[in-house]
Amino acid sequence: MQAQAYEGYFENGSFFTAGKAIKIPEKKKVYITILDEAIQESDEKANTLKEIFDSINACDEEIPDTFPRVNFNREFKL
């Protein structure tokens, strides 16, 4: 018997893990554990992402065709 475990939450009859809905196969044996711990969606995280995308969209700088290479083996100097 092969088993798979997922951590996530149910919302509107669907199971979500890592932001994606997971389909539970029909007629398969499943074990469900319901924890007394609510998943709180972070408004702060959503606001931070919105700010990042708003900043990107508001930027009028041209994106260079190439970026300088970074050498992580050399000593860092300020």
N, C-alpha and C. Protein backbone atom coordinates (compact mmCIF):
# COMPACT_ATOMS: atom_id res chain seq x y z
N MET A 1 0.85 -1.18 0.00
CA MET A 1 0.00 0.00 0.00
C MET A 1 0.89 1.24 0.00
N GLN A 2 0.59 2.17 -0.87
CA GLN A 2 1.35 3.42 -0.93
C GLN A 2 0.48 4.53 -0.35
N ALA A 3 1.07 5.39 0.47
CA ALA A 3 0.32 6.49 1.08
C ALA A 3 0.99 7.81 0.75
N GLN A 4 0.19 8.84 0.66
CA GLN A 4 0.69 10.19 0.45
C GLN A 4 0.06 11.08 1.52
N ALA A 5 0.83 11.99 2.07
CA ALA A 5 0.31 12.91 3.09
C ALA A 5 0.45 14.33 2.59
N TYR A 6 -0.57 15.13 2.82
CA TYR A 6 -0.58 16.53 2.42
C TYR A 6 -1.02 17.36 3.60
N GLU A 7 -0.40 18.52 3.78
CA GLU A 7 -0.85 19.48 4.78
C GLU A 7 -1.53 20.60 4.03
N GLY A 8 -2.71 20.98 4.46
CA GLY A 8 -3.44 22.03 3.77
C GLY A 8 -4.70 22.38 4.52
N TYR A 9 -5.73 22.80 3.77
CA TYR A 9 -6.99 23.18 4.38
C TYR A 9 -8.13 22.97 3.40
N PHE A 10 -9.33 22.81 3.95
CA PHE A 10 -10.53 22.70 3.13
C PHE A 10 -11.19 24.06 3.05
N GLU A 11 -11.67 24.40 1.86
CA GLU A 11 -12.42 25.64 1.67
C GLU A 11 -13.44 25.40 0.56
N ASN A 12 -14.69 25.65 0.84
CA ASN A 12 -15.77 25.46 -0.13
C ASN A 12 -15.75 24.08 -0.77
N GLY A 13 -15.49 23.06 0.06
CA GLY A 13 -15.54 21.68 -0.42
C GLY A 13 -14.31 21.21 -1.17
N SER A 14 -13.27 22.05 -1.28
CA SER A 14 -12.04 21.65 -1.96
C SER A 14 -10.89 21.65 -0.97
N PHE A 15 -9.92 20.77 -1.20
CA PHE A 15 -8.73 20.70 -0.36
C PHE A 15 -7.60 21.46 -1.04
N PHE A 16 -6.96 22.36 -0.32
CA PHE A 16 -5.88 23.18 -0.86
C PHE A 16 -4.59 22.91 -0.10
N THR A 17 -3.51 22.77 -0.84
CA THR A 17 -2.19 22.67 -0.26
C THR A 17 -1.23 23.45 -1.15
N ALA A 18 -0.35 24.21 -0.55
CA ALA A 18 0.60 25.06 -1.28
C ALA A 18 -0.11 25.93 -2.29
N GLY A 19 -1.31 26.41 -1.94
CA GLY A 19 -2.05 27.32 -2.81
C GLY A 19 -2.73 26.66 -3.99
N LYS A 20 -2.66 25.34 -4.09
CA LYS A 20 -3.29 24.62 -5.21
C LYS A 20 -4.32 23.65 -4.69
N ALA A 21 -5.41 23.52 -5.44
CA ALA A 21 -6.44 22.56 -5.07
C ALA A 21 -5.95 21.15 -5.43
N ILE A 22 -6.16 20.22 -4.53
CA ILE A 22 -5.79 18.82 -4.76
C ILE A 22 -7.07 18.01 -4.95
N LYS A 23 -7.11 17.23 -6.01
CA LYS A 23 -8.26 16.37 -6.24
C LYS A 23 -8.03 15.07 -5.48
N ILE A 24 -9.02 14.65 -4.74
CA ILE A 24 -8.95 13.38 -4.05
C ILE A 24 -9.57 12.35 -4.98
N PRO A 25 -8.81 11.29 -5.33
CA PRO A 25 -9.32 10.31 -6.29
C PRO A 25 -10.60 9.64 -5.80
N GLU A 26 -11.48 9.35 -6.73
CA GLU A 26 -12.74 8.68 -6.40
C GLU A 26 -12.48 7.27 -5.88
N LYS A 27 -13.29 6.86 -4.95
CA LYS A 27 -13.30 5.49 -4.42
C LYS A 27 -11.94 5.03 -3.90
N LYS A 28 -11.21 5.94 -3.28
CA LYS A 28 -9.94 5.60 -2.64
C LYS A 28 -10.13 5.72 -1.14
N LYS A 29 -9.45 4.86 -0.41
CA LYS A 29 -9.51 4.91 1.04
C LYS A 29 -8.70 6.11 1.51
N VAL A 30 -9.26 6.94 2.35
CA VAL A 30 -8.56 8.12 2.86
C VAL A 30 -8.70 8.21 4.37
N TYR A 31 -7.73 8.83 4.99
CA TYR A 31 -7.78 9.16 6.41
C TYR A 31 -7.70 10.67 6.51
N ILE A 32 -8.61 11.27 7.24
CA ILE A 32 -8.62 12.71 7.40
C ILE A 32 -8.51 13.03 8.88
N THR A 33 -7.57 13.90 9.20
CA THR A 33 -7.41 14.38 10.57
C THR A 33 -7.74 15.86 10.57
N ILE A 34 -8.69 16.24 11.37
CA ILE A 34 -9.07 17.65 11.46
C ILE A 34 -8.46 18.20 12.73
N LEU A 35 -7.57 19.16 12.57
CA LEU A 35 -6.89 19.77 13.71
C LEU A 35 -7.67 20.99 14.19
N ASP A 36 -7.61 21.23 15.46
CA ASP A 36 -8.29 22.39 16.03
C ASP A 36 -7.40 23.61 15.88
N GLU A 37 -7.09 23.92 14.64
CA GLU A 37 -6.17 25.01 14.34
C GLU A 37 -6.61 25.62 13.00
N ALA A 38 -7.11 26.83 13.05
CA ALA A 38 -7.59 27.48 11.84
C ALA A 38 -6.43 28.04 11.03
N ILE A 39 -6.54 27.96 9.73
CA ILE A 39 -5.56 28.57 8.84
C ILE A 39 -6.00 30.01 8.63
N GLN A 40 -5.14 30.94 8.99
CA GLN A 40 -5.48 32.35 8.82
C GLN A 40 -4.74 32.87 7.61
N GLU A 41 -5.51 33.33 6.65
CA GLU A 41 -4.87 33.92 5.47
C GLU A 41 -4.29 35.26 5.87
N SER A 42 -3.08 35.48 5.47
CA SER A 42 -2.36 36.66 5.88
C SER A 42 -2.68 37.84 4.97
N ASP A 43 -3.39 38.83 5.51
CA ASP A 43 -3.65 40.05 4.77
C ASP A 43 -2.33 40.79 4.54
N GLU A 44 -1.42 40.66 5.51
CA GLU A 44 -0.12 41.33 5.39
C GLU A 44 0.64 40.78 4.19
N LYS A 45 0.61 39.46 4.01
CA LYS A 45 1.30 38.84 2.87
C LYS A 45 0.67 39.29 1.56
N ALA A 46 -0.65 39.31 1.51
CA ALA A 46 -1.34 39.75 0.29
C ALA A 46 -1.02 41.21 -0.01
N ASN A 47 -1.00 42.05 1.03
CA ASN A 47 -0.69 43.47 0.84
C ASN A 47 0.75 43.65 0.38
N THR A 48 1.67 42.85 0.93
CA THR A 48 3.07 42.96 0.53
C THR A 48 3.23 42.60 -0.94
N LEU A 49 2.61 41.51 -1.37
CA LEU A 49 2.68 41.13 -2.78
C LEU A 49 2.06 42.19 -3.68
N LYS A 50 0.94 42.77 -3.24
CA LYS A 50 0.30 43.82 -4.03
C LYS A 50 1.24 45.02 -4.17
N GLU A 51 1.90 45.39 -3.07
CA GLU A 51 2.84 46.50 -3.11
C GLU A 51 4.00 46.22 -4.07
N ILE A 52 4.51 44.99 -4.05
CA ILE A 52 5.61 44.62 -4.94
C ILE A 52 5.18 44.76 -6.39
N PHE A 53 4.02 44.17 -6.73
CA PHE A 53 3.56 44.23 -8.11
C PHE A 53 3.19 45.65 -8.53
N ASP A 54 2.61 46.42 -7.62
CA ASP A 54 2.30 47.83 -7.93
C ASP A 54 3.58 48.61 -8.21
N SER A 55 4.64 48.34 -7.42
CA SER A 55 5.92 49.03 -7.63
C SER A 55 6.53 48.65 -8.97
N ILE A 56 6.46 47.39 -9.31
CA ILE A 56 7.00 46.93 -10.59
C ILE A 56 6.25 47.58 -11.74
N ASN A 57 4.92 47.60 -11.65
CA ASN A 57 4.11 48.19 -12.72
C ASN A 57 4.31 49.70 -12.83
N ALA A 58 4.60 50.37 -11.71
CA ALA A 58 4.77 51.82 -11.72
C ALA A 58 6.17 52.23 -12.19
N CYS A 59 7.10 51.30 -12.21
CA CYS A 59 8.48 51.61 -12.58
C CYS A 59 8.57 51.88 -14.08
N ASP A 60 9.27 52.98 -14.44
CA ASP A 60 9.42 53.31 -15.86
C ASP A 60 10.85 53.07 -16.36
N GLU A 61 11.67 52.41 -15.52
CA GLU A 61 13.04 52.09 -15.93
C GLU A 61 13.02 50.99 -16.97
N GLU A 62 13.92 51.11 -17.93
CA GLU A 62 14.03 50.06 -18.93
C GLU A 62 14.80 48.88 -18.34
N ILE A 63 14.39 47.70 -18.70
CA ILE A 63 15.07 46.50 -18.24
C ILE A 63 16.23 46.23 -19.19
N PRO A 64 17.45 46.08 -18.67
CA PRO A 64 18.59 45.83 -19.56
C PRO A 64 18.47 44.46 -20.22
N ASP A 65 19.07 44.35 -21.42
CA ASP A 65 19.05 43.07 -22.13
C ASP A 65 19.89 42.02 -21.42
N THR A 66 20.96 42.45 -20.80
CA THR A 66 21.83 41.53 -20.06
C THR A 66 22.11 42.11 -18.69
N PHE A 67 22.40 41.25 -17.78
CA PHE A 67 22.73 41.65 -16.42
C PHE A 67 24.18 41.26 -16.15
N PRO A 68 24.90 42.04 -15.35
CA PRO A 68 26.29 41.69 -15.05
C PRO A 68 26.34 40.37 -14.27
N ARG A 69 27.38 39.60 -14.54
CA ARG A 69 27.55 38.33 -13.84
C ARG A 69 28.00 38.58 -12.41
N VAL A 70 27.65 37.68 -11.54
CA VAL A 70 28.04 37.77 -10.14
C VAL A 70 28.99 36.63 -9.84
N ASN A 71 30.10 36.95 -9.19
CA ASN A 71 31.06 35.93 -8.79
C ASN A 71 31.00 35.81 -7.28
N PHE A 72 30.41 34.72 -6.79
CA PHE A 72 30.26 34.54 -5.35
C PHE A 72 31.53 34.02 -4.69
N ASN A 73 32.52 33.67 -5.49
CA ASN A 73 33.78 33.15 -4.93
C ASN A 73 34.75 34.26 -4.53
N ARG A 74 34.54 35.47 -5.02
CA ARG A 74 35.47 36.54 -4.69
C ARG A 74 35.06 37.20 -3.37
N GLU A 75 36.04 37.92 -2.76
CA GLU A 75 35.78 38.58 -1.50
C GLU A 75 34.87 39.79 -1.72
N PHE A 76 33.94 39.98 -0.84
CA PHE A 76 33.00 41.09 -0.94
C PHE A 76 33.61 42.35 -0.36
N LYS A 77 33.54 43.45 -1.11
CA LYS A 77 34.08 44.72 -0.65
C LYS A 77 32.98 45.77 -0.70
N LEU A 78 32.91 46.57 0.34
CA LEU A 78 31.93 47.65 0.38
C LEU A 78 32.50 48.90 -0.23
